[in-house]
C-alpha atoms as a PDB file:
ATOM      1  CA  MET A   1      -1.979  -5.035 -28.705  1.00  0.00           C
ATOM      2  CA  VAL A   2      -2.297  -1.204 -28.278  1.00  0.00           C
ATOM      3  CA  VAL A   3      -1.835  -0.844 -24.331  1.00  0.00           C
ATOM      4  CA  GLU A   4       1.076  -3.327 -24.039  1.00  0.00           C
ATOM      5  CA  GLY A   5       2.543  -3.319 -27.521  1.00  0.00           C
ATOM      6  CA  GLY A   6       2.281   0.422 -28.037  1.00  0.00           C
ATOM      7  CA  GLN A   7       0.644   0.096 -31.340  1.00  0.00           C
ATOM      8  CA  LYS A   8      -1.961   2.639 -32.815  1.00  0.00           C
ATOM      9  CA  ALA A   9      -5.509   1.617 -32.533  1.00  0.00           C
ATOM     10  CA  SER A  10      -6.810   2.041 -36.073  1.00  0.00           C
ATOM     11  CA  GLU A  11      -3.961  -0.253 -37.276  1.00  0.00           C
ATOM     12  CA  VAL A  12      -4.757  -3.302 -34.256  1.00  0.00           C
ATOM     13  CA  ALA A  13      -8.578  -2.616 -35.730  1.00  0.00           C
ATOM     14  CA  ARG A  14      -7.463  -2.738 -39.101  1.00  0.00           C
ATOM     15  CA  ASP A  15      -5.380  -6.031 -38.489  1.00  0.00           C
ATOM     16  CA  LEU A  16      -8.343  -8.114 -36.483  1.00  0.00           C
ATOM     17  CA  GLY A  17     -10.622  -6.653 -39.121  1.00  0.00           C
ATOM     18  CA  LEU A  18     -12.532  -4.741 -36.064  1.00  0.00           C
ATOM     19  CA  SER A  19     -14.341  -1.328 -36.099  1.00  0.00           C
ATOM     20  CA  PRO A  20     -11.363   1.351 -35.200  1.00  0.00           C
ATOM     21  CA  THR A  21     -14.252   3.238 -33.265  1.00  0.00           C
ATOM     22  CA  LEU A  22     -15.120  -0.529 -31.342  1.00  0.00           C
ATOM     23  CA  LEU A  23     -11.440  -0.968 -30.044  1.00  0.00           C
ATOM     24  CA  ALA A  24     -11.107   2.741 -29.494  1.00  0.00           C
ATOM     25  CA  ARG A  25     -13.775   2.296 -26.821  1.00  0.00           C
ATOM     26  CA  TRP A  26     -12.565  -0.953 -25.391  1.00  0.00           C
ATOM     27  CA  VAL A  27      -8.780   0.530 -24.883  1.00  0.00           C
ATOM     28  CA  ARG A  28     -10.892   3.663 -23.114  1.00  0.00           C
ATOM     29  CA  GLU A  29     -13.008   1.263 -20.864  1.00  0.00           C
ATOM     30  CA  PHE A  30      -9.519  -0.951 -19.898  1.00  0.00           C
ATOM     31  CA  GLU A  31      -7.943   2.118 -19.325  1.00  0.00           C
ATOM     32  CA  GLU A  32     -11.015   3.637 -16.843  1.00  0.00           C
ATOM     33  CA  ARG A  33     -10.435   0.599 -15.153  1.00  0.00           C
ATOM     34  CA  GLY A  34      -7.258   1.126 -14.028  1.00  0.00           C
ATOM     35  CA  GLY A  35      -5.239  -1.239 -16.528  1.00  0.00           C
ATOM     36  CA  LYS A  36      -4.138  -4.176 -15.049  1.00  0.00           C
ATOM     37  CA  SER A  37      -5.395  -3.867 -11.556  1.00  0.00           C
ATOM     38  CA  GLY A  38      -8.943  -4.086 -12.934  1.00  0.00           C
ATOM     39  CA  LEU A  39      -9.527  -1.138 -10.255  1.00  0.00           C
ATOM     40  CA  LEU A  40     -12.126   1.860 -11.638  1.00  0.00           C
ATOM     41  CA  VAL A  41      -9.901   5.103 -11.194  1.00  0.00           C
ATOM     42  CA  ASP A  42     -12.330   6.345  -8.361  1.00  0.00           C
ATOM     43  CA  GLU A  43     -11.922   2.986  -6.770  1.00  0.00           C
ATOM     44  CA  ARG A  44      -7.810   3.566  -6.659  1.00  0.00           C
ATOM     45  CA  ALA A  45      -8.622   6.552  -5.344  1.00  0.00           C
ATOM     46  CA  GLU A  46     -10.576   5.713  -2.770  1.00  0.00           C
ATOM     47  CA  LEU A  47      -8.090   2.595  -2.402  1.00  0.00           C
ATOM     48  CA  GLU A  48      -5.099   4.887  -1.771  1.00  0.00           C
ATOM     49  CA  ALA A  49      -6.907   7.193   0.691  1.00  0.00           C
ATOM     50  CA  LEU A  50      -7.840   4.058   2.957  1.00  0.00           C
ATOM     51  CA  ARG A  51      -4.244   3.078   3.029  1.00  0.00           C
ATOM     52  CA  ARG A  52      -3.093   6.413   3.973  1.00  0.00           C
ATOM     53  CA  GLU A  53      -5.478   6.713   7.148  1.00  0.00           C
ATOM     54  CA  ASN A  54      -4.895   3.210   8.314  1.00  0.00           C
ATOM     55  CA  GLN A  55      -1.159   4.376   8.672  1.00  0.00           C
ATOM     56  CA  ARG A  56      -2.400   7.266  10.237  1.00  0.00           C
ATOM     57  CA  LEU A  57      -4.386   5.408  12.601  1.00  0.00           C
ATOM     58  CA  ARG A  58      -1.812   3.002  13.152  1.00  0.00           C
ATOM     59  CA  MET A  59       0.465   5.616  14.288  1.00  0.00           C
ATOM     60  CA  GLU A  60      -1.884   6.813  16.709  1.00  0.00           C
ATOM     61  CA  ARG A  61      -2.737   3.493  18.490  1.00  0.00           C
ATOM     62  CA  ASP A  62       0.680   3.239  18.928  1.00  0.00           C
ATOM     63  CA  PHE A  63       1.197   6.417  20.227  1.00  0.00           C
ATOM     64  CA  LEU A  64      -1.848   5.717  22.433  1.00  0.00           C
ATOM     65  CA  LYS A  65      -0.345   2.611  23.613  1.00  0.00           C
ATOM     66  CA  LYS A  66       3.304   4.772  24.543  1.00  0.00           C
ATOM     67  CA  ALA A  67       1.077   6.813  26.535  1.00  0.00           C
ATOM     68  CA  SER A  68      -0.940   4.716  28.573  1.00  0.00           C
ATOM     69  CA  ALA A  69       1.950   2.813  29.480  1.00  0.00           C
ATOM     70  CA  TYR A  70       3.868   6.068  30.659  1.00  0.00           C
ATOM     71  CA  PHE A  71       1.052   7.304  32.508  1.00  0.00           C
ATOM     72  CA  ALA A  72       0.233   3.943  34.207  1.00  0.00           C
ATOM     73  CA  GLY A  73       3.444   3.561  35.018  1.00  0.00           C
ATOM     74  CA  GLN A  74       3.210   6.871  36.955  1.00  0.00           C
ATOM     75  CA  GLN A  75       0.548   6.745  39.259  1.00  0.00           C
ATOM     76  CA  LYS A  76       0.784   5.810  42.751  1.00  0.00           C
ATOM     77  CA  PRO A  77      -0.476   3.084  44.049  1.00  0.00           C
ATOM     78  CA  ASP A  78      -4.047   3.849  46.089  1.00  0.00           C
ATOM     79  CA  SER A  79      -3.218   3.605  50.077  1.00  0.00           C
ATOM     80  CA  THR A  80      -7.297   4.171  50.691  1.00  0.00           C
ATOM     81  CA  SER A  81      -8.238   0.630  49.103  1.00  0.00           C
END
């Protein structure tokens, strides 16, 4: 009601017979956990950093595949074997 409905915590607490302090703590904990996703703020930041790193590593891998294919085609056959 507070998070999705945009109602004031004090009004919702009064309507539900809760302490405004208790409801405010629940809302704060919910938001600290990233809302609906259930991730903590630091977990969300770590996930985003890992996704960026994963993307960078994929690009590097693809580049190395292309480079190795290019250089493999450039090598002359070994006539001493």
